[in-house]
ModelCIF file with pLDDT and N, C-alpha, C, O atoms, coordinates in Angstrom:
data_MODEL
#
_entry.id   MODEL 
#
_entity.id                         1 
_entity.type                       polymer 
_entity.pdbx_number_of_molecules   1 
#
_entity_poly.entity_id                      1 
_entity_poly.type                           'polypeptide(L)' 
_entity_poly.nstd_linkage                   no 
_entity_poly.nstd_monomer                   no 
_entity_poly.pdbx_seq_one_letter_code       PIPESLRTELKGLTHLGLQDQKENRLIFTPQKDTEVSDIVSLLTGR 
_entity_poly.pdbx_seq_one_letter_code_can   PIPESLRTELKGLTHLGLQDQKENRLIFTPQKDTEVSDIVSLLTGR 
_entity_poly.pdbx_strand_id                 A 
#
loop_
_entity_poly_seq.entity_id 
_entity_poly_seq.num 
_entity_poly_seq.mon_id 
_entity_poly_seq.hetero 
1 1  PRO n 
1 2  ILE n 
1 3  PRO n 
1 4  GLU n 
1 5  SER n 
1 6  LEU n 
1 7  ARG n 
1 8  THR n 
1 9  GLU n 
1 10 LEU n 
1 11 LYS n 
1 12 GLY n 
1 13 LEU n 
1 14 THR n 
1 15 HIS n 
1 16 LEU n 
1 17 GLY n 
1 18 LEU n 
1 19 GLN n 
1 20 ASP n 
1 21 GLN n 
1 22 LYS n 
1 23 GLU n 
1 24 ASN n 
1 25 ARG n 
1 26 LEU n 
1 27 ILE n 
1 28 PHE n 
1 29 THR n 
1 30 PRO n 
1 31 GLN n 
1 32 LYS n 
1 33 ASP n 
1 34 THR n 
1 35 GLU n 
1 36 VAL n 
1 37 SER n 
1 38 ASP n 
1 39 ILE n 
1 40 VAL n 
1 41 SER n 
1 42 LEU n 
1 43 LEU n 
1 44 THR n 
1 45 GLY n 
1 46 ARG n 
#
_struct_asym.id          A 
_struct_asym.entity_id   1 
#
loop_
_ma_qa_metric.id 
_ma_qa_metric.mode 
_ma_qa_metric.name 
_ma_qa_metric.software_group_id 
_ma_qa_metric.type 
1 global pLDDT . pLDDT 
2 local  pLDDT . pLDDT 
#
_ma_qa_metric_global.metric_id      1 
_ma_qa_metric_global.metric_value   85.80 
_ma_qa_metric_global.model_id       1 
_ma_qa_metric_global.ordinal_id     1 
#
loop_
_ma_qa_metric_local.label_asym_id 
_ma_qa_metric_local.label_comp_id 
_ma_qa_metric_local.label_seq_id 
_ma_qa_metric_local.metric_id 
_ma_qa_metric_local.metric_value 
_ma_qa_metric_local.model_id 
_ma_qa_metric_local.ordinal_id 
A PRO 1  2 88.00 1 1  
A ILE 2  2 87.00 1 2  
A PRO 3  2 87.00 1 3  
A GLU 4  2 86.00 1 4  
A SER 5  2 88.00 1 5  
A LEU 6  2 89.00 1 6  
A ARG 7  2 87.00 1 7  
A THR 8  2 89.00 1 8  
A GLU 9  2 90.00 1 9  
A LEU 10 2 89.00 1 10 
A LYS 11 2 89.00 1 11 
A GLY 12 2 90.00 1 12 
A LEU 13 2 90.00 1 13 
A THR 14 2 87.00 1 14 
A HIS 15 2 86.00 1 15 
A LEU 16 2 86.00 1 16 
A GLY 17 2 84.00 1 17 
A LEU 18 2 86.00 1 18 
A GLN 19 2 84.00 1 19 
A ASP 20 2 79.00 1 20 
A GLN 21 2 80.00 1 21 
A LYS 22 2 80.00 1 22 
A GLU 23 2 78.00 1 23 
A ASN 24 2 85.00 1 24 
A ARG 25 2 88.00 1 25 
A LEU 26 2 87.00 1 26 
A ILE 27 2 86.00 1 27 
A PHE 28 2 84.00 1 28 
A THR 29 2 80.00 1 29 
A PRO 30 2 81.00 1 30 
A GLN 31 2 78.00 1 31 
A LYS 32 2 70.00 1 32 
A ASP 33 2 77.00 1 33 
A THR 34 2 81.00 1 34 
A GLU 35 2 83.00 1 35 
A VAL 36 2 86.00 1 36 
A SER 37 2 88.00 1 37 
A ASP 38 2 89.00 1 38 
A ILE 39 2 90.00 1 39 
A VAL 40 2 91.00 1 40 
A SER 41 2 91.00 1 41 
A LEU 42 2 90.00 1 42 
A LEU 43 2 92.00 1 43 
A THR 44 2 91.00 1 44 
A GLY 45 2 91.00 1 45 
A ARG 46 2 89.00 1 46 
#
loop_
_atom_site.group_PDB 
_atom_site.id 
_atom_site.type_symbol 
_atom_site.label_atom_id 
_atom_site.label_alt_id 
_atom_site.label_comp_id 
_atom_site.label_asym_id 
_atom_site.label_entity_id 
_atom_site.label_seq_id 
_atom_site.pdbx_PDB_ins_code 
_atom_site.Cartn_x 
_atom_site.Cartn_y 
_atom_site.Cartn_z 
_atom_site.occupancy 
_atom_site.B_iso_or_equiv 
_atom_site.pdbx_formal_charge 
_atom_site.auth_seq_id 
_atom_site.auth_comp_id 
_atom_site.auth_asym_id 
_atom_site.auth_atom_id 
_atom_site.pdbx_PDB_model_num 
ATOM 1   N N  . PRO A 1 1  ? 19.296 11.540 1.233   1.00 88.00 ? 1  PRO A N  1 
ATOM 2   C CA . PRO A 1 1  ? 18.086 11.314 1.859   1.00 88.00 ? 1  PRO A CA 1 
ATOM 3   C C  . PRO A 1 1  ? 16.573 11.401 1.751   1.00 88.00 ? 1  PRO A C  1 
ATOM 4   O O  . PRO A 1 1  ? 16.489 12.470 2.354   1.00 88.00 ? 1  PRO A O  1 
ATOM 5   N N  . ILE A 1 2  ? 15.504 11.153 1.497   1.00 87.00 ? 2  ILE A N  1 
ATOM 6   C CA . ILE A 1 2  ? 14.540 11.837 1.292   1.00 87.00 ? 2  ILE A CA 1 
ATOM 7   C C  . ILE A 1 2  ? 13.688 12.357 2.686   1.00 87.00 ? 2  ILE A C  1 
ATOM 8   O O  . ILE A 1 2  ? 13.505 11.655 3.681   1.00 87.00 ? 2  ILE A O  1 
ATOM 9   N N  . PRO A 1 3  ? 13.357 13.341 2.559   1.00 87.00 ? 3  PRO A N  1 
ATOM 10  C CA . PRO A 1 3  ? 12.571 13.990 3.664   1.00 87.00 ? 3  PRO A CA 1 
ATOM 11  C C  . PRO A 1 3  ? 11.559 13.050 4.730   1.00 87.00 ? 3  PRO A C  1 
ATOM 12  O O  . PRO A 1 3  ? 11.229 11.952 4.283   1.00 87.00 ? 3  PRO A O  1 
ATOM 13  N N  . GLU A 1 4  ? 11.276 13.259 5.500   1.00 86.00 ? 4  GLU A N  1 
ATOM 14  C CA . GLU A 1 4  ? 10.434 12.147 6.628   1.00 86.00 ? 4  GLU A CA 1 
ATOM 15  C C  . GLU A 1 4  ? 8.904  12.213 6.020   1.00 86.00 ? 4  GLU A C  1 
ATOM 16  O O  . GLU A 1 4  ? 8.165  11.241 5.866   1.00 86.00 ? 4  GLU A O  1 
ATOM 17  N N  . SER A 1 5  ? 8.587  13.658 5.694   1.00 88.00 ? 5  SER A N  1 
ATOM 18  C CA . SER A 1 5  ? 7.161  13.609 5.224   1.00 88.00 ? 5  SER A CA 1 
ATOM 19  C C  . SER A 1 5  ? 6.853  13.276 3.680   1.00 88.00 ? 5  SER A C  1 
ATOM 20  O O  . SER A 1 5  ? 5.792  13.363 3.062   1.00 88.00 ? 5  SER A O  1 
ATOM 21  N N  . LEU A 1 6  ? 8.388  12.784 3.176   1.00 89.00 ? 6  LEU A N  1 
ATOM 22  C CA . LEU A 1 6  ? 7.740  11.954 1.561   1.00 89.00 ? 6  LEU A CA 1 
ATOM 23  C C  . LEU A 1 6  ? 7.993  10.907 1.626   1.00 89.00 ? 6  LEU A C  1 
ATOM 24  O O  . LEU A 1 6  ? 7.767  10.308 0.575   1.00 89.00 ? 6  LEU A O  1 
ATOM 25  N N  . ARG A 1 7  ? 8.535  10.102 2.697   1.00 87.00 ? 7  ARG A N  1 
ATOM 26  C CA . ARG A 1 7  ? 8.736  9.132  3.455   1.00 87.00 ? 7  ARG A CA 1 
ATOM 27  C C  . ARG A 1 7  ? 7.204  8.548  3.535   1.00 87.00 ? 7  ARG A C  1 
ATOM 28  O O  . ARG A 1 7  ? 6.790  7.698  2.747   1.00 87.00 ? 7  ARG A O  1 
ATOM 29  N N  . THR A 1 8  ? 6.424  9.113  4.584   1.00 89.00 ? 8  THR A N  1 
ATOM 30  C CA . THR A 1 8  ? 5.246  8.686  4.769   1.00 89.00 ? 8  THR A CA 1 
ATOM 31  C C  . THR A 1 8  ? 4.076  8.559  3.388   1.00 89.00 ? 8  THR A C  1 
ATOM 32  O O  . THR A 1 8  ? 3.345  7.641  3.018   1.00 89.00 ? 8  THR A O  1 
ATOM 33  N N  . GLU A 1 9  ? 4.272  9.676  2.977   1.00 90.00 ? 9  GLU A N  1 
ATOM 34  C CA . GLU A 1 9  ? 3.852  9.736  1.954   1.00 90.00 ? 9  GLU A CA 1 
ATOM 35  C C  . GLU A 1 9  ? 4.015  8.182  1.161   1.00 90.00 ? 9  GLU A C  1 
ATOM 36  O O  . GLU A 1 9  ? 3.043  7.453  0.962   1.00 90.00 ? 9  GLU A O  1 
ATOM 37  N N  . LEU A 1 10 ? 4.898  7.963  0.909   1.00 89.00 ? 10 LEU A N  1 
ATOM 38  C CA . LEU A 1 10 ? 5.278  6.603  -0.109  1.00 89.00 ? 10 LEU A CA 1 
ATOM 39  C C  . LEU A 1 10 ? 5.055  5.647  0.790   1.00 89.00 ? 10 LEU A C  1 
ATOM 40  O O  . LEU A 1 10 ? 4.910  4.611  0.141   1.00 89.00 ? 10 LEU A O  1 
ATOM 41  N N  . LYS A 1 11 ? 4.927  5.381  2.142   1.00 89.00 ? 11 LYS A N  1 
ATOM 42  C CA . LYS A 1 11 ? 4.371  4.310  2.569   1.00 89.00 ? 11 LYS A CA 1 
ATOM 43  C C  . LYS A 1 11 ? 2.943  4.179  2.804   1.00 89.00 ? 11 LYS A C  1 
ATOM 44  O O  . LYS A 1 11 ? 2.452  3.135  3.234   1.00 89.00 ? 11 LYS A O  1 
ATOM 45  N N  . GLY A 1 12 ? 2.034  5.578  2.434   1.00 90.00 ? 12 GLY A N  1 
ATOM 46  C CA . GLY A 1 12 ? 0.786  5.327  2.339   1.00 90.00 ? 12 GLY A CA 1 
ATOM 47  C C  . GLY A 1 12 ? 0.154  4.838  1.111   1.00 90.00 ? 12 GLY A C  1 
ATOM 48  O O  . GLY A 1 12 ? -1.010 4.439  1.139   1.00 90.00 ? 12 GLY A O  1 
ATOM 49  N N  . LEU A 1 13 ? 1.056  4.846  -0.286  1.00 90.00 ? 13 LEU A N  1 
ATOM 50  C CA . LEU A 1 13 ? 0.713  4.520  -1.253  1.00 90.00 ? 13 LEU A CA 1 
ATOM 51  C C  . LEU A 1 13 ? 1.454  3.189  -1.272  1.00 90.00 ? 13 LEU A C  1 
ATOM 52  O O  . LEU A 1 13 ? 2.636  2.936  -1.506  1.00 90.00 ? 13 LEU A O  1 
ATOM 53  N N  . THR A 1 14 ? 0.494  2.468  -0.982  1.00 87.00 ? 14 THR A N  1 
ATOM 54  C CA . THR A 1 14 ? 0.679  0.509  -0.740  1.00 87.00 ? 14 THR A CA 1 
ATOM 55  C C  . THR A 1 14 ? 1.120  -0.506 -2.386  1.00 87.00 ? 14 THR A C  1 
ATOM 56  O O  . THR A 1 14 ? 1.667  -1.578 -2.644  1.00 87.00 ? 14 THR A O  1 
ATOM 57  N N  . HIS A 1 15 ? 0.445  0.698  -3.201  1.00 86.00 ? 15 HIS A N  1 
ATOM 58  C CA . HIS A 1 15 ? 0.614  -0.127 -4.428  1.00 86.00 ? 15 HIS A CA 1 
ATOM 59  C C  . HIS A 1 15 ? 2.349  -0.282 -4.809  1.00 86.00 ? 15 HIS A C  1 
ATOM 60  O O  . HIS A 1 15 ? 2.870  -1.282 -5.303  1.00 86.00 ? 15 HIS A O  1 
ATOM 61  N N  . LEU A 1 16 ? 2.953  0.829  -4.478  1.00 86.00 ? 16 LEU A N  1 
ATOM 62  C CA . LEU A 1 16 ? 4.428  0.952  -4.514  1.00 86.00 ? 16 LEU A CA 1 
ATOM 63  C C  . LEU A 1 16 ? 5.148  0.156  -3.495  1.00 86.00 ? 16 LEU A C  1 
ATOM 64  O O  . LEU A 1 16 ? 6.343  0.035  -3.766  1.00 86.00 ? 16 LEU A O  1 
ATOM 65  N N  . GLY A 1 17 ? 4.807  -0.364 -2.510  1.00 84.00 ? 17 GLY A N  1 
ATOM 66  C CA . GLY A 1 17 ? 5.249  -1.412 -2.152  1.00 84.00 ? 17 GLY A CA 1 
ATOM 67  C C  . GLY A 1 17 ? 6.567  -0.807 -1.147  1.00 84.00 ? 17 GLY A C  1 
ATOM 68  O O  . GLY A 1 17 ? 7.381  -1.715 -0.977  1.00 84.00 ? 17 GLY A O  1 
ATOM 69  N N  . LEU A 1 18 ? 6.927  0.328  -0.532  1.00 86.00 ? 18 LEU A N  1 
ATOM 70  C CA . LEU A 1 18 ? 8.043  0.497  0.044   1.00 86.00 ? 18 LEU A CA 1 
ATOM 71  C C  . LEU A 1 18 ? 8.018  -0.439 1.028   1.00 86.00 ? 18 LEU A C  1 
ATOM 72  O O  . LEU A 1 18 ? 7.007  -0.716 1.673   1.00 86.00 ? 18 LEU A O  1 
ATOM 73  N N  . GLN A 1 19 ? 9.617  -1.187 1.241   1.00 84.00 ? 19 GLN A N  1 
ATOM 74  C CA . GLN A 1 19 ? 9.824  -2.246 1.983   1.00 84.00 ? 19 GLN A CA 1 
ATOM 75  C C  . GLN A 1 19 ? 10.884 -1.481 3.204   1.00 84.00 ? 19 GLN A C  1 
ATOM 76  O O  . GLN A 1 19 ? 11.034 -1.693 4.407   1.00 84.00 ? 19 GLN A O  1 
ATOM 77  N N  . ASP A 1 20 ? 11.564 -0.421 2.156   1.00 79.00 ? 20 ASP A N  1 
ATOM 78  C CA . ASP A 1 20 ? 12.462 -0.338 3.705   1.00 79.00 ? 20 ASP A CA 1 
ATOM 79  C C  . ASP A 1 20 ? 13.680 1.305  2.878   1.00 79.00 ? 20 ASP A C  1 
ATOM 80  O O  . ASP A 1 20 ? 13.779 1.807  1.758   1.00 79.00 ? 20 ASP A O  1 
ATOM 81  N N  . GLN A 1 21 ? 14.068 1.452  3.683   1.00 80.00 ? 21 GLN A N  1 
ATOM 82  C CA . GLN A 1 21 ? 14.804 3.063  3.298   1.00 80.00 ? 21 GLN A CA 1 
ATOM 83  C C  . GLN A 1 21 ? 15.988 3.239  4.253   1.00 80.00 ? 21 GLN A C  1 
ATOM 84  O O  . GLN A 1 21 ? 15.973 3.498  5.457   1.00 80.00 ? 21 GLN A O  1 
ATOM 85  N N  . LYS A 1 22 ? 16.856 3.067  3.552   1.00 80.00 ? 22 LYS A N  1 
ATOM 86  C CA . LYS A 1 22 ? 18.499 3.226  4.668   1.00 80.00 ? 22 LYS A CA 1 
ATOM 87  C C  . LYS A 1 22 ? 19.148 4.248  3.400   1.00 80.00 ? 22 LYS A C  1 
ATOM 88  O O  . LYS A 1 22 ? 19.326 4.183  2.184   1.00 80.00 ? 22 LYS A O  1 
ATOM 89  N N  . GLU A 1 23 ? 19.417 5.426  4.767   1.00 78.00 ? 23 GLU A N  1 
ATOM 90  C CA . GLU A 1 23 ? 20.260 6.877  3.802   1.00 78.00 ? 23 GLU A CA 1 
ATOM 91  C C  . GLU A 1 23 ? 19.703 6.675  2.540   1.00 78.00 ? 23 GLU A C  1 
ATOM 92  O O  . GLU A 1 23 ? 18.519 6.365  2.413   1.00 78.00 ? 23 GLU A O  1 
ATOM 93  N N  . ASN A 1 24 ? 20.550 6.843  1.485   1.00 85.00 ? 24 ASN A N  1 
ATOM 94  C CA . ASN A 1 24 ? 20.009 7.660  0.570   1.00 85.00 ? 24 ASN A CA 1 
ATOM 95  C C  . ASN A 1 24 ? 19.646 5.900  -0.160  1.00 85.00 ? 24 ASN A C  1 
ATOM 96  O O  . ASN A 1 24 ? 20.646 5.361  -0.634  1.00 85.00 ? 24 ASN A O  1 
ATOM 97  N N  . ARG A 1 25 ? 18.748 5.346  -0.213  1.00 88.00 ? 25 ARG A N  1 
ATOM 98  C CA . ARG A 1 25 ? 18.324 3.746  -0.957  1.00 88.00 ? 25 ARG A CA 1 
ATOM 99  C C  . ARG A 1 25 ? 17.101 3.697  -0.278  1.00 88.00 ? 25 ARG A C  1 
ATOM 100 O O  . ARG A 1 25 ? 17.088 3.929  0.931   1.00 88.00 ? 25 ARG A O  1 
ATOM 101 N N  . LEU A 1 26 ? 16.040 3.421  -0.899  1.00 87.00 ? 26 LEU A N  1 
ATOM 102 C CA . LEU A 1 26 ? 14.767 3.205  -1.324  1.00 87.00 ? 26 LEU A CA 1 
ATOM 103 C C  . LEU A 1 26 ? 14.189 1.589  -1.584  1.00 87.00 ? 26 LEU A C  1 
ATOM 104 O O  . LEU A 1 26 ? 14.246 1.383  -2.796  1.00 87.00 ? 26 LEU A O  1 
ATOM 105 N N  . ILE A 1 27 ? 13.814 0.740  -1.074  1.00 86.00 ? 27 ILE A N  1 
ATOM 106 C CA . ILE A 1 27 ? 13.578 -0.147 -1.170  1.00 86.00 ? 27 ILE A CA 1 
ATOM 107 C C  . ILE A 1 27 ? 12.072 -0.625 -1.749  1.00 86.00 ? 27 ILE A C  1 
ATOM 108 O O  . ILE A 1 27 ? 11.392 -1.018 -0.801  1.00 86.00 ? 27 ILE A O  1 
ATOM 109 N N  . PHE A 1 28 ? 11.231 -0.721 -3.242  1.00 84.00 ? 28 PHE A N  1 
ATOM 110 C CA . PHE A 1 28 ? 10.228 -1.254 -3.160  1.00 84.00 ? 28 PHE A CA 1 
ATOM 111 C C  . PHE A 1 28 ? 10.138 -2.737 -3.923  1.00 84.00 ? 28 PHE A C  1 
ATOM 112 O O  . PHE A 1 28 ? 10.878 -3.250 -4.763  1.00 84.00 ? 28 PHE A O  1 
ATOM 113 N N  . THR A 1 29 ? 8.882  -3.225 -3.255  1.00 80.00 ? 29 THR A N  1 
ATOM 114 C CA . THR A 1 29 ? 8.285  -4.443 -3.901  1.00 80.00 ? 29 THR A CA 1 
ATOM 115 C C  . THR A 1 29 ? 6.982  -3.834 -4.099  1.00 80.00 ? 29 THR A C  1 
ATOM 116 O O  . THR A 1 29 ? 6.218  -3.484 -3.199  1.00 80.00 ? 29 THR A O  1 
ATOM 117 N N  . PRO A 1 30 ? 6.732  -3.709 -5.723  1.00 81.00 ? 30 PRO A N  1 
ATOM 118 C CA . PRO A 1 30 ? 5.527  -2.665 -6.309  1.00 81.00 ? 30 PRO A CA 1 
ATOM 119 C C  . PRO A 1 30 ? 4.695  -4.189 -6.279  1.00 81.00 ? 30 PRO A C  1 
ATOM 120 O O  . PRO A 1 30 ? 5.063  -5.320 -5.963  1.00 81.00 ? 30 PRO A O  1 
ATOM 121 N N  . GLN A 1 31 ? 3.576  -3.703 -6.701  1.00 78.00 ? 31 GLN A N  1 
ATOM 122 C CA . GLN A 1 31 ? 2.338  -4.524 -7.257  1.00 78.00 ? 31 GLN A CA 1 
ATOM 123 C C  . GLN A 1 31 ? 2.554  -5.040 -8.365  1.00 78.00 ? 31 GLN A C  1 
ATOM 124 O O  . GLN A 1 31 ? 3.440  -4.488 -9.018  1.00 78.00 ? 31 GLN A O  1 
ATOM 125 N N  . LYS A 1 32 ? 2.002  -6.011 -8.871  1.00 70.00 ? 32 LYS A N  1 
ATOM 126 C CA . LYS A 1 32 ? 2.245  -6.467 -10.425 1.00 70.00 ? 32 LYS A CA 1 
ATOM 127 C C  . LYS A 1 32 ? 2.063  -4.944 -11.296 1.00 70.00 ? 32 LYS A C  1 
ATOM 128 O O  . LYS A 1 32 ? 3.023  -4.318 -11.746 1.00 70.00 ? 32 LYS A O  1 
ATOM 129 N N  . ASP A 1 33 ? 0.389  -4.445 -11.437 1.00 77.00 ? 33 ASP A N  1 
ATOM 130 C CA . ASP A 1 33 ? 0.302  -3.231 -11.801 1.00 77.00 ? 33 ASP A CA 1 
ATOM 131 C C  . ASP A 1 33 ? 1.117  -1.929 -12.131 1.00 77.00 ? 33 ASP A C  1 
ATOM 132 O O  . ASP A 1 33 ? 1.039  -1.051 -12.990 1.00 77.00 ? 33 ASP A O  1 
ATOM 133 N N  . THR A 1 34 ? 2.002  -2.225 -10.971 1.00 81.00 ? 34 THR A N  1 
ATOM 134 C CA . THR A 1 34 ? 2.981  -0.762 -10.868 1.00 81.00 ? 34 THR A CA 1 
ATOM 135 C C  . THR A 1 34 ? 4.187  -0.997 -11.655 1.00 81.00 ? 34 THR A C  1 
ATOM 136 O O  . THR A 1 34 ? 4.914  -1.892 -11.224 1.00 81.00 ? 34 THR A O  1 
ATOM 137 N N  . GLU A 1 35 ? 4.534  -0.435 -12.638 1.00 83.00 ? 35 GLU A N  1 
ATOM 138 C CA . GLU A 1 35 ? 5.647  0.170  -13.550 1.00 83.00 ? 35 GLU A CA 1 
ATOM 139 C C  . GLU A 1 35 ? 6.908  0.806  -12.623 1.00 83.00 ? 35 GLU A C  1 
ATOM 140 O O  . GLU A 1 35 ? 6.658  1.681  -11.794 1.00 83.00 ? 35 GLU A O  1 
ATOM 141 N N  . VAL A 1 36 ? 8.124  0.360  -12.802 1.00 86.00 ? 36 VAL A N  1 
ATOM 142 C CA . VAL A 1 36 ? 9.283  1.011  -12.279 1.00 86.00 ? 36 VAL A CA 1 
ATOM 143 C C  . VAL A 1 36 ? 9.156  2.494  -12.701 1.00 86.00 ? 36 VAL A C  1 
ATOM 144 O O  . VAL A 1 36 ? 9.469  3.386  -11.913 1.00 86.00 ? 36 VAL A O  1 
ATOM 145 N N  . SER A 1 37 ? 8.794  2.700  -13.679 1.00 88.00 ? 37 SER A N  1 
ATOM 146 C CA . SER A 1 37 ? 8.442  4.331  -14.078 1.00 88.00 ? 37 SER A CA 1 
ATOM 147 C C  . SER A 1 37 ? 7.696  5.182  -13.573 1.00 88.00 ? 37 SER A C  1 
ATOM 148 O O  . SER A 1 37 ? 7.718  6.406  -13.707 1.00 88.00 ? 37 SER A O  1 
ATOM 149 N N  . ASP A 1 38 ? 6.739  4.260  -12.732 1.00 89.00 ? 38 ASP A N  1 
ATOM 150 C CA . ASP A 1 38 ? 5.844  5.370  -12.094 1.00 89.00 ? 38 ASP A CA 1 
ATOM 151 C C  . ASP A 1 38 ? 6.249  5.770  -10.477 1.00 89.00 ? 38 ASP A C  1 
ATOM 152 O O  . ASP A 1 38 ? 5.911  6.656  -9.691  1.00 89.00 ? 38 ASP A O  1 
ATOM 153 N N  . ILE A 1 39 ? 7.108  4.673  -10.449 1.00 90.00 ? 39 ILE A N  1 
ATOM 154 C CA . ILE A 1 39 ? 7.468  4.825  -8.990  1.00 90.00 ? 39 ILE A CA 1 
ATOM 155 C C  . ILE A 1 39 ? 9.087  6.582  -9.252  1.00 90.00 ? 39 ILE A C  1 
ATOM 156 O O  . ILE A 1 39 ? 9.210  7.658  -8.667  1.00 90.00 ? 39 ILE A O  1 
ATOM 157 N N  . VAL A 1 40 ? 9.662  6.106  -10.051 1.00 91.00 ? 40 VAL A N  1 
ATOM 158 C CA . VAL A 1 40 ? 10.658 6.737  -10.615 1.00 91.00 ? 40 VAL A CA 1 
ATOM 159 C C  . VAL A 1 40 ? 10.047 8.284  -11.127 1.00 91.00 ? 40 VAL A C  1 
ATOM 160 O O  . VAL A 1 40 ? 10.777 9.269  -11.025 1.00 91.00 ? 40 VAL A O  1 
ATOM 161 N N  . SER A 1 41 ? 8.774  8.391  -11.634 1.00 91.00 ? 41 SER A N  1 
ATOM 162 C CA . SER A 1 41 ? 7.991  9.336  -11.823 1.00 91.00 ? 41 SER A CA 1 
ATOM 163 C C  . SER A 1 41 ? 7.722  10.062 -10.907 1.00 91.00 ? 41 SER A C  1 
ATOM 164 O O  . SER A 1 41 ? 8.131  11.223 -10.901 1.00 91.00 ? 41 SER A O  1 
ATOM 165 N N  . LEU A 1 42 ? 7.068  9.624  -10.042 1.00 90.00 ? 42 LEU A N  1 
ATOM 166 C CA . LEU A 1 42 ? 6.496  10.374 -8.758  1.00 90.00 ? 42 LEU A CA 1 
ATOM 167 C C  . LEU A 1 42 ? 7.747  10.675 -7.766  1.00 90.00 ? 42 LEU A C  1 
ATOM 168 O O  . LEU A 1 42 ? 7.371  11.441 -6.879  1.00 90.00 ? 42 LEU A O  1 
ATOM 169 N N  . LEU A 1 43 ? 8.921  10.367 -7.651  1.00 92.00 ? 43 LEU A N  1 
ATOM 170 C CA . LEU A 1 43 ? 9.779  10.770 -7.260  1.00 92.00 ? 43 LEU A CA 1 
ATOM 171 C C  . LEU A 1 43 ? 10.512 11.920 -7.544  1.00 92.00 ? 43 LEU A C  1 
ATOM 172 O O  . LEU A 1 43 ? 10.829 12.830 -6.777  1.00 92.00 ? 43 LEU A O  1 
ATOM 173 N N  . THR A 1 44 ? 10.736 11.785 -8.669  1.00 91.00 ? 44 THR A N  1 
ATOM 174 C CA . THR A 1 44 ? 10.975 13.153 -9.638  1.00 91.00 ? 44 THR A CA 1 
ATOM 175 C C  . THR A 1 44 ? 10.266 14.223 -9.797  1.00 91.00 ? 44 THR A C  1 
ATOM 176 O O  . THR A 1 44 ? 10.761 15.349 -9.862  1.00 91.00 ? 44 THR A O  1 
ATOM 177 N N  . GLY A 1 45 ? 8.766  13.914 -9.891  1.00 91.00 ? 45 GLY A N  1 
ATOM 178 C CA . GLY A 1 45 ? 7.975  15.063 -9.423  1.00 91.00 ? 45 GLY A CA 1 
ATOM 179 C C  . GLY A 1 45 ? 7.911  15.327 -7.729  1.00 91.00 ? 45 GLY A C  1 
ATOM 180 O O  . GLY A 1 45 ? 7.133  16.159 -7.261  1.00 91.00 ? 45 GLY A O  1 
ATOM 181 N N  . ARG A 1 46 ? 8.505  14.798 -7.175  1.00 89.00 ? 46 ARG A N  1 
ATOM 182 C CA . ARG A 1 46 ? 8.569  15.623 -5.159  1.00 89.00 ? 46 ARG A CA 1 
ATOM 183 C C  . ARG A 1 46 ? 10.005 16.157 -5.578  1.00 89.00 ? 46 ARG A C  1 
ATOM 184 O O  . ARG A 1 46 ? 10.682 16.802 -4.777  1.00 89.00 ? 46 ARG A O  1 
#
C-alpha cells in the first residue's frame, strides 16, 4: 500500500485523475495528454 502522504499528492495532481485506491491497487483516469509512462515514472520516483 502507498503512504497517505503520497496518496494526497496524487489526488492534487488532477491531470493524473486518481479515482480510487484499494490496498495495493491504484485506479487512474488520466487526461488525454498524460501517458501511462508519466504515472509509472512518478510512482517509481517516489
